[in-house]
Amino acid sequence: SPIMDRIRISNSVAGDYAGGLHISTGGRTTLTNFIIDNNRGGYSSALAVISSELESNYGTIQDNREGTCLLYSEPSTISMSHVLIVGNESVGSSHLLFNGTINLNHLTIAQNSNEASAISCGIFNSSFNINNSIILTDGGIAVTINESSSIQLIFNDIENGRDAVQGDGEVIWGEGNIDADPLFVDPDNGDYHL
């Protein structure tokens, strides 16, 4: 089970899956204190997780381009905490395309291209929890949930609130969700502190 701490994956190009990091058919991978930036990929510009387990903490995913999505997973278990996802562009319908068991906590998703929904959940009977996160979409869709999947949202700041969560899957809109300006210190200069 690899542990990658204090790493930067930058300026990579891939024709297929992930421009930055591809984790496939393996055990558990842990990313801590990481930056994935300025990558280009065919399907996923930054990260692909296929039939594996990923735990990622305290990282930044920024300025990745040209992928159908930014992060893609096929049935996998993913836990992300304290991750900043900003300034990315995806050419497909979603920035984060997850399938599996997904737990997102303390994420900030902002200033990404607004043609895509921020998060797309579940082609394969997936289960999602998003807690204590900020999801800004410039008026677009925050979350799209497939009919075979479910999502629980608790204590999040989601632009356009419940209206920004769409699709046919089960949505559990828990307590503490708001739609408010998070008042970042200076987002135009990369400071997303509150």
N, C-alpha and C. Protein backbone atom coordinates (compact mmCIF):
# COMPACT_ATOMS: atom_id res chain seq x y z
N SER A 1 0.83 -1.19 0.00
CA SER A 1 0.00 0.00 0.00
C SER A 1 0.88 1.25 0.00
N PRO A 2 1.03 1.88 -1.14
CA PRO A 2 1.91 3.04 -1.22
C PRO A 2 1.36 4.25 -0.46
N ILE A 3 2.27 4.97 0.15
CA ILE A 3 1.97 6.24 0.80
C ILE A 3 2.82 7.30 0.12
N MET A 4 2.15 8.30 -0.46
CA MET A 4 2.87 9.37 -1.13
C MET A 4 2.64 10.65 -0.35
N ASP A 5 3.70 11.16 0.26
CA ASP A 5 3.60 12.33 1.13
C ASP A 5 4.51 13.43 0.58
N ARG A 6 3.98 14.64 0.55
CA ARG A 6 4.71 15.81 0.07
C ARG A 6 5.18 15.62 -1.37
N ILE A 7 4.23 15.32 -2.25
CA ILE A 7 4.59 15.13 -3.64
C ILE A 7 3.89 16.18 -4.51
N ARG A 8 4.47 16.40 -5.67
CA ARG A 8 3.86 17.27 -6.68
C ARG A 8 3.91 16.54 -8.01
N ILE A 9 2.75 16.44 -8.64
CA ILE A 9 2.65 15.83 -9.97
C ILE A 9 2.23 16.96 -10.89
N SER A 10 3.13 17.33 -11.81
CA SER A 10 2.93 18.55 -12.57
C SER A 10 3.40 18.39 -14.01
N ASN A 11 2.69 19.07 -14.92
CA ASN A 11 3.09 19.19 -16.32
C ASN A 11 3.21 17.85 -17.04
N SER A 12 2.33 16.90 -16.71
CA SER A 12 2.31 15.61 -17.38
C SER A 12 1.22 15.59 -18.45
N VAL A 13 1.42 14.76 -19.47
CA VAL A 13 0.44 14.62 -20.55
C VAL A 13 0.23 13.14 -20.79
N ALA A 14 -1.04 12.73 -20.93
CA ALA A 14 -1.36 11.34 -21.24
C ALA A 14 -2.44 11.29 -22.30
N GLY A 15 -2.35 10.32 -23.19
CA GLY A 15 -3.35 10.17 -24.23
C GLY A 15 -4.62 9.53 -23.72
N ASP A 16 -4.50 8.63 -22.74
CA ASP A 16 -5.66 7.96 -22.17
C ASP A 16 -5.89 8.45 -20.76
N TYR A 17 -6.40 7.61 -19.91
CA TYR A 17 -6.94 7.95 -18.61
C TYR A 17 -6.39 9.21 -17.95
N ALA A 18 -5.33 9.14 -17.19
CA ALA A 18 -4.98 10.27 -16.32
C ALA A 18 -3.67 10.94 -16.74
N GLY A 19 -3.73 12.24 -16.87
CA GLY A 19 -2.52 13.00 -17.13
C GLY A 19 -1.61 13.07 -15.92
N GLY A 20 -2.20 13.12 -14.72
CA GLY A 20 -1.41 13.24 -13.50
C GLY A 20 -1.07 11.91 -12.87
N LEU A 21 -2.05 11.21 -12.30
CA LEU A 21 -1.80 9.98 -11.56
C LEU A 21 -2.90 8.98 -11.88
N HIS A 22 -2.51 7.75 -12.20
CA HIS A 22 -3.45 6.67 -12.50
C HIS A 22 -3.22 5.54 -11.50
N ILE A 23 -4.25 5.24 -10.70
CA ILE A 23 -4.19 4.17 -9.71
C ILE A 23 -5.15 3.09 -10.18
N SER A 24 -4.63 1.87 -10.42
CA SER A 24 -5.48 0.86 -11.04
C SER A 24 -5.33 -0.51 -10.40
N THR A 25 -6.46 -1.14 -10.16
CA THR A 25 -6.58 -2.51 -9.70
C THR A 25 -5.54 -2.83 -8.63
N GLY A 26 -5.64 -2.11 -7.57
CA GLY A 26 -4.66 -2.33 -6.52
C GLY A 26 -5.29 -2.20 -5.16
N GLY A 27 -4.47 -2.14 -4.17
CA GLY A 27 -4.92 -1.99 -2.80
C GLY A 27 -5.20 -0.54 -2.48
N ARG A 28 -4.68 -0.12 -1.38
CA ARG A 28 -4.92 1.22 -0.87
C ARG A 28 -3.73 2.12 -1.18
N THR A 29 -4.03 3.32 -1.69
CA THR A 29 -3.01 4.34 -1.93
C THR A 29 -3.37 5.55 -1.08
N THR A 30 -2.37 6.13 -0.44
CA THR A 30 -2.58 7.32 0.38
C THR A 30 -1.76 8.48 -0.20
N LEU A 31 -2.46 9.60 -0.44
CA LEU A 31 -1.81 10.85 -0.87
C LEU A 31 -1.97 11.86 0.26
N THR A 32 -0.89 12.46 0.70
CA THR A 32 -0.95 13.46 1.76
C THR A 32 -0.05 14.63 1.40
N ASN A 33 -0.53 15.84 1.66
CA ASN A 33 0.25 17.05 1.38
C ASN A 33 0.73 17.05 -0.07
N PHE A 34 -0.21 17.04 -0.99
CA PHE A 34 0.11 16.87 -2.39
C PHE A 34 -0.40 18.04 -3.24
N ILE A 35 0.21 18.18 -4.41
CA ILE A 35 -0.25 19.12 -5.43
C ILE A 35 -0.28 18.34 -6.75
N ILE A 36 -1.42 18.40 -7.42
CA ILE A 36 -1.55 17.85 -8.77
C ILE A 36 -1.96 19.03 -9.65
N ASP A 37 -1.03 19.49 -10.50
CA ASP A 37 -1.33 20.70 -11.26
C ASP A 37 -0.75 20.68 -12.68
N ASN A 38 -1.41 21.43 -13.55
CA ASN A 38 -0.96 21.65 -14.92
C ASN A 38 -0.77 20.36 -15.72
N ASN A 39 -1.66 19.39 -15.51
CA ASN A 39 -1.60 18.15 -16.26
C ASN A 39 -2.66 18.14 -17.36
N ARG A 40 -2.44 17.30 -18.37
CA ARG A 40 -3.37 17.14 -19.48
C ARG A 40 -3.61 15.65 -19.67
N GLY A 41 -4.86 15.28 -19.89
CA GLY A 41 -5.15 13.86 -20.09
C GLY A 41 -6.30 13.65 -21.03
N GLY A 42 -6.36 12.44 -21.60
CA GLY A 42 -7.43 12.13 -22.53
C GLY A 42 -8.78 12.01 -21.83
N TYR A 43 -8.87 11.13 -20.84
CA TYR A 43 -10.14 10.98 -20.14
C TYR A 43 -10.15 11.79 -18.86
N SER A 44 -9.11 11.67 -18.07
CA SER A 44 -9.02 12.41 -16.81
C SER A 44 -7.72 13.21 -16.81
N SER A 45 -7.82 14.50 -16.61
CA SER A 45 -6.61 15.31 -16.68
C SER A 45 -5.73 15.19 -15.43
N ALA A 46 -6.32 14.96 -14.26
CA ALA A 46 -5.52 14.95 -13.04
C ALA A 46 -5.34 13.57 -12.42
N LEU A 47 -6.43 12.80 -12.24
CA LEU A 47 -6.37 11.60 -11.43
C LEU A 47 -7.42 10.60 -11.87
N ALA A 48 -7.03 9.32 -12.00
CA ALA A 48 -7.96 8.23 -12.26
C ALA A 48 -7.74 7.14 -11.22
N VAL A 49 -8.83 6.62 -10.67
CA VAL A 49 -8.77 5.56 -9.68
C VAL A 49 -9.68 4.43 -10.16
N ILE A 50 -9.10 3.28 -10.48
CA ILE A 50 -9.84 2.18 -11.05
C ILE A 50 -9.76 0.97 -10.12
N SER A 51 -10.90 0.53 -9.60
CA SER A 51 -10.99 -0.66 -8.75
C SER A 51 -9.93 -0.66 -7.65
N SER A 52 -9.81 0.46 -6.97
CA SER A 52 -8.79 0.63 -5.94
C SER A 52 -9.36 1.45 -4.79
N GLU A 53 -8.51 1.69 -3.79
CA GLU A 53 -8.89 2.52 -2.65
C GLU A 53 -7.92 3.69 -2.55
N LEU A 54 -8.47 4.90 -2.43
CA LEU A 54 -7.64 6.10 -2.33
C LEU A 54 -8.04 6.90 -1.12
N GLU A 55 -7.06 7.27 -0.32
CA GLU A 55 -7.26 8.25 0.75
C GLU A 55 -6.36 9.44 0.42
N SER A 56 -6.97 10.62 0.30
CA SER A 56 -6.19 11.81 -0.03
C SER A 56 -6.53 12.92 0.95
N ASN A 57 -5.48 13.49 1.54
CA ASN A 57 -5.64 14.50 2.57
C ASN A 57 -4.69 15.67 2.33
N TYR A 58 -5.19 16.87 2.58
CA TYR A 58 -4.38 18.08 2.55
C TYR A 58 -3.66 18.22 1.20
N GLY A 59 -4.45 18.49 0.17
CA GLY A 59 -3.86 18.63 -1.14
C GLY A 59 -4.52 19.70 -1.98
N THR A 60 -3.93 19.94 -3.13
CA THR A 60 -4.44 20.90 -4.10
C THR A 60 -4.45 20.26 -5.47
N ILE A 61 -5.58 20.39 -6.15
CA ILE A 61 -5.72 19.95 -7.54
C ILE A 61 -6.11 21.20 -8.32
N GLN A 62 -5.18 21.69 -9.16
CA GLN A 62 -5.45 22.97 -9.82
C GLN A 62 -4.84 23.04 -11.22
N ASP A 63 -5.49 23.86 -12.05
CA ASP A 63 -4.98 24.21 -13.38
C ASP A 63 -4.73 23.00 -14.27
N ASN A 64 -5.53 21.94 -14.14
CA ASN A 64 -5.45 20.80 -15.03
C ASN A 64 -6.42 21.03 -16.19
N ARG A 65 -6.11 20.51 -17.38
CA ARG A 65 -6.87 20.84 -18.58
C ARG A 65 -7.07 19.64 -19.50
N GLU A 66 -8.01 19.81 -20.39
CA GLU A 66 -8.21 18.99 -21.58
C GLU A 66 -8.78 17.60 -21.34
N GLY A 67 -8.95 17.16 -20.12
CA GLY A 67 -9.55 15.85 -19.89
C GLY A 67 -11.07 15.91 -20.01
N THR A 68 -11.67 14.77 -20.33
CA THR A 68 -13.13 14.70 -20.32
C THR A 68 -13.63 15.08 -18.92
N CYS A 69 -12.87 14.67 -17.89
CA CYS A 69 -13.15 15.09 -16.52
C CYS A 69 -11.80 15.35 -15.83
N LEU A 70 -11.87 15.83 -14.62
CA LEU A 70 -10.67 16.12 -13.84
C LEU A 70 -10.23 14.91 -13.03
N LEU A 71 -11.18 14.27 -12.38
CA LEU A 71 -10.92 13.08 -11.57
C LEU A 71 -11.98 12.05 -11.92
N TYR A 72 -11.55 10.83 -12.20
CA TYR A 72 -12.47 9.76 -12.60
C TYR A 72 -12.23 8.54 -11.72
N SER A 73 -13.32 7.89 -11.30
CA SER A 73 -13.17 6.62 -10.60
C SER A 73 -14.20 5.62 -11.10
N GLU A 74 -13.74 4.38 -11.30
CA GLU A 74 -14.62 3.25 -11.51
C GLU A 74 -14.68 2.53 -10.18
N PRO A 75 -15.65 1.64 -9.96
CA PRO A 75 -15.94 1.18 -8.60
C PRO A 75 -14.71 1.15 -7.69
N SER A 76 -14.61 2.16 -6.87
CA SER A 76 -13.49 2.35 -5.96
C SER A 76 -14.01 2.94 -4.65
N THR A 77 -13.16 2.91 -3.65
CA THR A 77 -13.46 3.56 -2.38
C THR A 77 -12.53 4.77 -2.27
N ILE A 78 -13.12 5.95 -2.19
CA ILE A 78 -12.32 7.18 -2.17
C ILE A 78 -12.71 8.03 -0.97
N SER A 79 -11.71 8.47 -0.25
CA SER A 79 -11.89 9.40 0.85
C SER A 79 -10.98 10.60 0.59
N MET A 80 -11.59 11.78 0.52
CA MET A 80 -10.82 13.01 0.31
C MET A 80 -11.15 13.98 1.44
N SER A 81 -10.12 14.57 2.03
CA SER A 81 -10.32 15.52 3.12
C SER A 81 -9.33 16.67 2.99
N HIS A 82 -9.84 17.88 3.17
CA HIS A 82 -9.02 19.09 3.11
C HIS A 82 -8.30 19.20 1.76
N VAL A 83 -9.08 19.15 0.69
CA VAL A 83 -8.52 19.24 -0.66
C VAL A 83 -9.13 20.46 -1.35
N LEU A 84 -8.27 21.27 -1.95
CA LEU A 84 -8.66 22.45 -2.71
C LEU A 84 -8.64 22.08 -4.19
N ILE A 85 -9.79 22.28 -4.88
CA ILE A 85 -9.92 21.94 -6.30
C ILE A 85 -10.34 23.21 -7.03
N VAL A 86 -9.39 23.87 -7.70
CA VAL A 86 -9.65 25.19 -8.30
C VAL A 86 -8.96 25.35 -9.65
N GLY A 87 -9.56 26.20 -10.49
CA GLY A 87 -8.92 26.62 -11.73
C GLY A 87 -8.75 25.53 -12.77
N ASN A 88 -9.57 24.49 -12.72
CA ASN A 88 -9.47 23.38 -13.67
C ASN A 88 -10.49 23.55 -14.79
N GLU A 89 -10.21 22.93 -15.93
CA GLU A 89 -11.15 22.93 -17.05
C GLU A 89 -11.36 21.49 -17.51
N SER A 90 -12.63 21.11 -17.66
CA SER A 90 -12.98 19.79 -18.17
C SER A 90 -13.81 19.98 -19.43
N VAL A 91 -13.62 19.10 -20.41
CA VAL A 91 -14.37 19.22 -21.65
C VAL A 91 -15.64 18.36 -21.64
N GLY A 92 -15.82 17.54 -20.60
CA GLY A 92 -17.01 16.69 -20.49
C GLY A 92 -18.08 17.32 -19.62
N SER A 93 -18.97 16.50 -19.13
CA SER A 93 -20.12 16.99 -18.38
C SER A 93 -19.87 17.16 -16.89
N SER A 94 -18.70 16.75 -16.39
CA SER A 94 -18.44 16.81 -14.96
C SER A 94 -16.95 16.95 -14.67
N HIS A 95 -16.62 17.65 -13.58
CA HIS A 95 -15.22 17.74 -13.16
C HIS A 95 -14.80 16.49 -12.40
N LEU A 96 -15.60 16.10 -11.42
CA LEU A 96 -15.30 14.92 -10.62
C LEU A 96 -16.35 13.86 -10.93
N LEU A 97 -15.96 12.78 -11.58
CA LEU A 97 -16.88 11.72 -11.98
C LEU A 97 -16.57 10.50 -11.13
N PHE A 98 -17.38 10.28 -10.10
CA PHE A 98 -17.12 9.24 -9.11
C PHE A 98 -18.07 8.06 -9.26
N ASN A 99 -17.54 6.86 -9.06
CA ASN A 99 -18.31 5.64 -8.96
C ASN A 99 -17.72 4.81 -7.83
N GLY A 100 -18.56 4.39 -6.89
CA GLY A 100 -18.08 3.59 -5.77
C GLY A 100 -18.59 4.15 -4.46
N THR A 101 -17.80 3.98 -3.42
CA THR A 101 -18.11 4.52 -2.10
C THR A 101 -17.22 5.73 -1.89
N ILE A 102 -17.84 6.90 -1.81
CA ILE A 102 -17.09 8.15 -1.84
C ILE A 102 -17.42 8.99 -0.61
N ASN A 103 -16.39 9.42 0.11
CA ASN A 103 -16.55 10.30 1.26
C ASN A 103 -15.68 11.54 1.05
N LEU A 104 -16.34 12.69 0.95
CA LEU A 104 -15.66 13.96 0.74
C LEU A 104 -15.90 14.85 1.94
N ASN A 105 -14.84 15.36 2.54
CA ASN A 105 -14.95 16.16 3.76
C ASN A 105 -13.98 17.34 3.68
N HIS A 106 -14.47 18.53 3.94
CA HIS A 106 -13.65 19.74 3.91
C HIS A 106 -13.00 19.95 2.55
N LEU A 107 -13.77 19.85 1.49
CA LEU A 107 -13.29 20.18 0.15
C LEU A 107 -13.73 21.59 -0.20
N THR A 108 -12.90 22.27 -0.97
CA THR A 108 -13.29 23.53 -1.58
C THR A 108 -13.17 23.34 -3.07
N ILE A 109 -14.31 23.48 -3.76
CA ILE A 109 -14.37 23.34 -5.22
C ILE A 109 -14.86 24.67 -5.76
N ALA A 110 -13.98 25.40 -6.46
CA ALA A 110 -14.33 26.75 -6.90
C ALA A 110 -13.54 27.14 -8.14
N GLN A 111 -14.07 28.10 -8.88
CA GLN A 111 -13.41 28.71 -10.04
C GLN A 111 -12.91 27.68 -11.06
N ASN A 112 -13.69 26.62 -11.25
CA ASN A 112 -13.43 25.67 -12.33
C ASN A 112 -14.33 26.05 -13.50
N SER A 113 -14.05 25.53 -14.69
CA SER A 113 -14.89 25.88 -15.83
C SER A 113 -16.34 25.52 -15.52
N ASN A 114 -17.25 26.41 -15.86
CA ASN A 114 -18.63 26.22 -15.44
C ASN A 114 -19.47 25.45 -16.46
N GLU A 115 -18.89 24.94 -17.52
CA GLU A 115 -19.64 24.13 -18.47
C GLU A 115 -19.98 22.77 -17.87
N ALA A 116 -19.22 22.32 -16.91
CA ALA A 116 -19.41 21.00 -16.32
C ALA A 116 -19.99 21.11 -14.92
N SER A 117 -20.74 20.07 -14.50
CA SER A 117 -21.17 20.05 -13.10
C SER A 117 -19.93 19.78 -12.25
N ALA A 118 -19.96 20.23 -11.02
CA ALA A 118 -18.80 20.05 -10.15
C ALA A 118 -18.56 18.57 -9.87
N ILE A 119 -19.62 17.84 -9.52
CA ILE A 119 -19.49 16.44 -9.15
C ILE A 119 -20.60 15.65 -9.83
N SER A 120 -20.22 14.53 -10.43
CA SER A 120 -21.21 13.61 -10.99
C SER A 120 -21.07 12.29 -10.26
N CYS A 121 -22.18 11.79 -9.77
CA CYS A 121 -22.15 10.66 -8.86
C CYS A 121 -22.84 9.45 -9.44
N GLY A 122 -22.08 8.41 -9.63
CA GLY A 122 -22.60 7.10 -9.73
C GLY A 122 -23.25 6.59 -10.97
N ILE A 123 -22.48 5.92 -11.78
CA ILE A 123 -23.04 5.13 -12.85
C ILE A 123 -23.30 3.73 -12.31
N PHE A 124 -22.50 3.29 -11.34
CA PHE A 124 -22.58 1.94 -10.80
C PHE A 124 -23.01 1.94 -9.34
N ASN A 125 -24.29 2.02 -9.03
CA ASN A 125 -24.80 1.89 -7.66
C ASN A 125 -23.82 2.44 -6.62
N SER A 126 -23.64 3.71 -6.60
CA SER A 126 -22.64 4.33 -5.74
C SER A 126 -23.27 4.99 -4.52
N SER A 127 -22.44 5.20 -3.51
CA SER A 127 -22.87 5.84 -2.27
C SER A 127 -21.92 6.99 -1.95
N PHE A 128 -22.49 8.17 -1.67
CA PHE A 128 -21.68 9.37 -1.50
C PHE A 128 -22.05 10.08 -0.21
N ASN A 129 -21.03 10.65 0.42
CA ASN A 129 -21.21 11.55 1.55
C ASN A 129 -20.35 12.77 1.29
N ILE A 130 -20.96 13.94 1.34
CA ILE A 130 -20.21 15.19 1.22
C ILE A 130 -20.52 16.01 2.46
N ASN A 131 -19.48 16.34 3.22
CA ASN A 131 -19.63 17.06 4.49
C ASN A 131 -18.66 18.23 4.57
N ASN A 132 -19.11 19.30 5.20
CA ASN A 132 -18.23 20.42 5.54
C ASN A 132 -17.45 20.96 4.34
N SER A 133 -18.10 21.03 3.20
CA SER A 133 -17.41 21.42 1.97
C SER A 133 -18.05 22.66 1.35
N ILE A 134 -17.29 23.30 0.48
CA ILE A 134 -17.76 24.47 -0.27
C ILE A 134 -17.73 24.09 -1.75
N ILE A 135 -18.88 24.23 -2.40
CA ILE A 135 -18.97 23.91 -3.83
C ILE A 135 -19.56 25.11 -4.55
N LEU A 136 -18.72 25.81 -5.31
CA LEU A 136 -19.14 26.97 -6.09
C LEU A 136 -19.07 26.61 -7.57
N THR A 137 -20.11 26.98 -8.32
CA THR A 137 -20.21 26.54 -9.71
C THR A 137 -20.48 27.66 -10.70
N ASP A 138 -20.40 28.90 -10.29
CA ASP A 138 -20.76 30.03 -11.14
C ASP A 138 -22.17 29.87 -11.71
N GLY A 139 -23.08 29.41 -10.86
CA GLY A 139 -24.47 29.28 -11.25
C GLY A 139 -24.83 27.95 -11.88
N GLY A 140 -23.88 27.05 -12.03
CA GLY A 140 -24.13 25.76 -12.67
C GLY A 140 -24.61 24.70 -11.69
N ILE A 141 -24.50 23.47 -12.10
CA ILE A 141 -24.92 22.32 -11.30
C ILE A 141 -23.78 21.93 -10.36
N ALA A 142 -24.10 21.78 -9.08
CA ALA A 142 -23.08 21.36 -8.12
C ALA A 142 -22.89 19.85 -8.16
N VAL A 143 -24.01 19.11 -8.10
CA VAL A 143 -23.95 17.65 -8.04
C VAL A 143 -25.02 17.06 -8.95
N THR A 144 -24.63 16.07 -9.73
CA THR A 144 -25.57 15.27 -10.51
C THR A 144 -25.50 13.86 -9.98
N ILE A 145 -26.65 13.29 -9.58
CA ILE A 145 -26.68 11.96 -8.98
C ILE A 145 -27.48 11.00 -9.85
N ASN A 146 -26.87 9.89 -10.23
CA ASN A 146 -27.50 8.89 -11.07
C ASN A 146 -28.58 8.14 -10.30
N GLU A 147 -29.59 7.65 -11.00
CA GLU A 147 -30.74 7.01 -10.36
C GLU A 147 -30.37 5.80 -9.51
N SER A 148 -29.27 5.14 -9.80
CA SER A 148 -28.91 3.95 -9.03
C SER A 148 -28.03 4.27 -7.82
N SER A 149 -27.86 5.54 -7.52
CA SER A 149 -26.94 5.96 -6.46
C SER A 149 -27.64 6.83 -5.43
N SER A 150 -26.94 7.05 -4.30
CA SER A 150 -27.47 7.92 -3.24
C SER A 150 -26.37 8.85 -2.75
N ILE A 151 -26.81 10.00 -2.24
CA ILE A 151 -25.86 10.98 -1.70
C ILE A 151 -26.45 11.61 -0.46
N GLN A 152 -25.57 11.83 0.52
CA GLN A 152 -25.95 12.54 1.74
C GLN A 152 -25.06 13.77 1.85
N LEU A 153 -25.69 14.93 2.06
CA LEU A 153 -24.98 16.20 2.16
C LEU A 153 -25.26 16.82 3.53
N ILE A 154 -24.21 17.13 4.29
CA ILE A 154 -24.36 17.70 5.63
C ILE A 154 -23.34 18.83 5.82
N PHE A 155 -23.82 19.97 6.30
CA PHE A 155 -22.98 21.13 6.64
C PHE A 155 -22.09 21.57 5.48
N ASN A 156 -22.69 21.80 4.32
CA ASN A 156 -21.97 22.28 3.14
C ASN A 156 -22.46 23.66 2.76
N ASP A 157 -21.61 24.40 2.08
CA ASP A 157 -22.00 25.66 1.44
C ASP A 157 -22.03 25.36 -0.06
N ILE A 158 -23.24 25.22 -0.61
CA ILE A 158 -23.41 24.85 -2.01
C ILE A 158 -24.11 25.99 -2.74
N GLU A 159 -23.42 26.54 -3.73
CA GLU A 159 -24.02 27.63 -4.50
C GLU A 159 -25.34 27.15 -5.12
N ASN A 160 -26.39 27.94 -4.93
CA ASN A 160 -27.76 27.65 -5.36
C ASN A 160 -28.42 26.52 -4.56
N GLY A 161 -27.82 26.11 -3.46
CA GLY A 161 -28.44 25.20 -2.51
C GLY A 161 -28.95 23.90 -3.12
N ARG A 162 -30.10 23.45 -2.62
CA ARG A 162 -30.67 22.16 -3.04
C ARG A 162 -30.98 22.15 -4.54
N ASP A 163 -31.28 23.31 -5.13
CA ASP A 163 -31.58 23.37 -6.57
C ASP A 163 -30.37 22.99 -7.43
N ALA A 164 -29.17 23.08 -6.88
CA ALA A 164 -27.96 22.75 -7.63
C ALA A 164 -27.60 21.27 -7.55
N VAL A 165 -28.43 20.49 -6.85
CA VAL A 165 -28.24 19.04 -6.76
C VAL A 165 -29.33 18.40 -7.62
N GLN A 166 -28.91 17.78 -8.72
CA GLN A 166 -29.89 17.29 -9.69
C GLN A 166 -29.66 15.82 -10.02
N GLY A 167 -30.64 15.22 -10.67
CA GLY A 167 -30.56 13.83 -11.10
C GLY A 167 -31.66 13.01 -10.46
N ASP A 168 -31.66 11.72 -10.75
CA ASP A 168 -32.73 10.83 -10.32
C ASP A 168 -32.37 9.97 -9.12
N GLY A 169 -31.17 10.10 -8.58
CA GLY A 169 -30.78 9.30 -7.43
C GLY A 169 -31.35 9.84 -6.14
N GLU A 170 -31.13 9.09 -5.06
CA GLU A 170 -31.62 9.49 -3.75
C GLU A 170 -30.72 10.59 -3.17
N VAL A 171 -31.35 11.69 -2.75
CA VAL A 171 -30.62 12.80 -2.14
C VAL A 171 -31.10 12.96 -0.71
N ILE A 172 -30.16 12.87 0.23
CA ILE A 172 -30.46 13.13 1.64
C ILE A 172 -29.85 14.49 1.96
N TRP A 173 -30.72 15.51 2.00
CA TRP A 173 -30.29 16.88 2.25
C TRP A 173 -30.30 17.07 3.76
N GLY A 174 -29.15 16.87 4.38
CA GLY A 174 -29.06 16.89 5.83
C GLY A 174 -29.02 18.29 6.41
N GLU A 175 -28.76 18.34 7.69
CA GLU A 175 -28.75 19.62 8.40
C GLU A 175 -27.51 20.45 8.06
N GLY A 176 -27.67 21.76 8.21
CA GLY A 176 -26.54 22.67 8.13
C GLY A 176 -26.09 23.07 6.74
N ASN A 177 -26.78 22.64 5.68
CA ASN A 177 -26.40 23.07 4.34
C ASN A 177 -26.88 24.50 4.11
N ILE A 178 -26.02 25.31 3.48
CA ILE A 178 -26.36 26.71 3.21
C ILE A 178 -25.98 27.07 1.78
N ASP A 179 -26.46 28.22 1.35
CA ASP A 179 -26.09 28.82 0.07
C ASP A 179 -25.68 30.25 0.40
N ALA A 180 -24.38 30.47 0.62
CA ALA A 180 -23.90 31.79 1.02
C ALA A 180 -22.51 32.02 0.44
N ASP A 181 -22.15 33.27 0.26
CA ASP A 181 -20.81 33.61 -0.17
C ASP A 181 -19.84 33.18 0.93
N PRO A 182 -18.86 32.32 0.62
CA PRO A 182 -17.95 31.87 1.68
C PRO A 182 -16.95 32.93 2.12
N LEU A 183 -16.89 34.06 1.42
CA LEU A 183 -16.00 35.16 1.78
C LEU A 183 -14.53 34.72 1.84
N PHE A 184 -14.06 34.11 0.75
CA PHE A 184 -12.65 33.77 0.66
C PHE A 184 -11.82 35.03 0.82
N VAL A 185 -10.62 34.90 1.37
CA VAL A 185 -9.76 36.05 1.61
C VAL A 185 -9.42 36.76 0.30
N ASP A 186 -8.87 36.05 -0.68
CA ASP A 186 -8.48 36.66 -1.96
C ASP A 186 -8.40 35.57 -3.03
N PRO A 187 -9.55 35.06 -3.50
CA PRO A 187 -9.53 33.94 -4.45
C PRO A 187 -8.87 34.28 -5.79
N ASP A 188 -8.93 35.54 -6.21
CA ASP A 188 -8.30 35.91 -7.48
C ASP A 188 -6.80 35.76 -7.45
N ASN A 189 -6.22 35.75 -6.26
CA ASN A 189 -4.79 35.55 -6.09
C ASN A 189 -4.47 34.24 -5.37
N GLY A 190 -5.42 33.29 -5.40
CA GLY A 190 -5.18 31.94 -4.89
C GLY A 190 -5.33 31.75 -3.39
N ASP A 191 -5.89 32.72 -2.67
CA ASP A 191 -6.07 32.57 -1.22
C ASP A 191 -7.52 32.24 -0.92
N TYR A 192 -7.78 30.95 -0.68
CA TYR A 192 -9.14 30.47 -0.43
C TYR A 192 -9.43 30.28 1.06
N HIS A 193 -8.61 30.87 1.92
CA HIS A 193 -8.90 30.84 3.35
C HIS A 193 -10.19 31.63 3.60
N LEU A 194 -10.88 31.29 4.66
CA LEU A 194 -12.11 31.99 5.00
C LEU A 194 -11.83 33.13 5.96
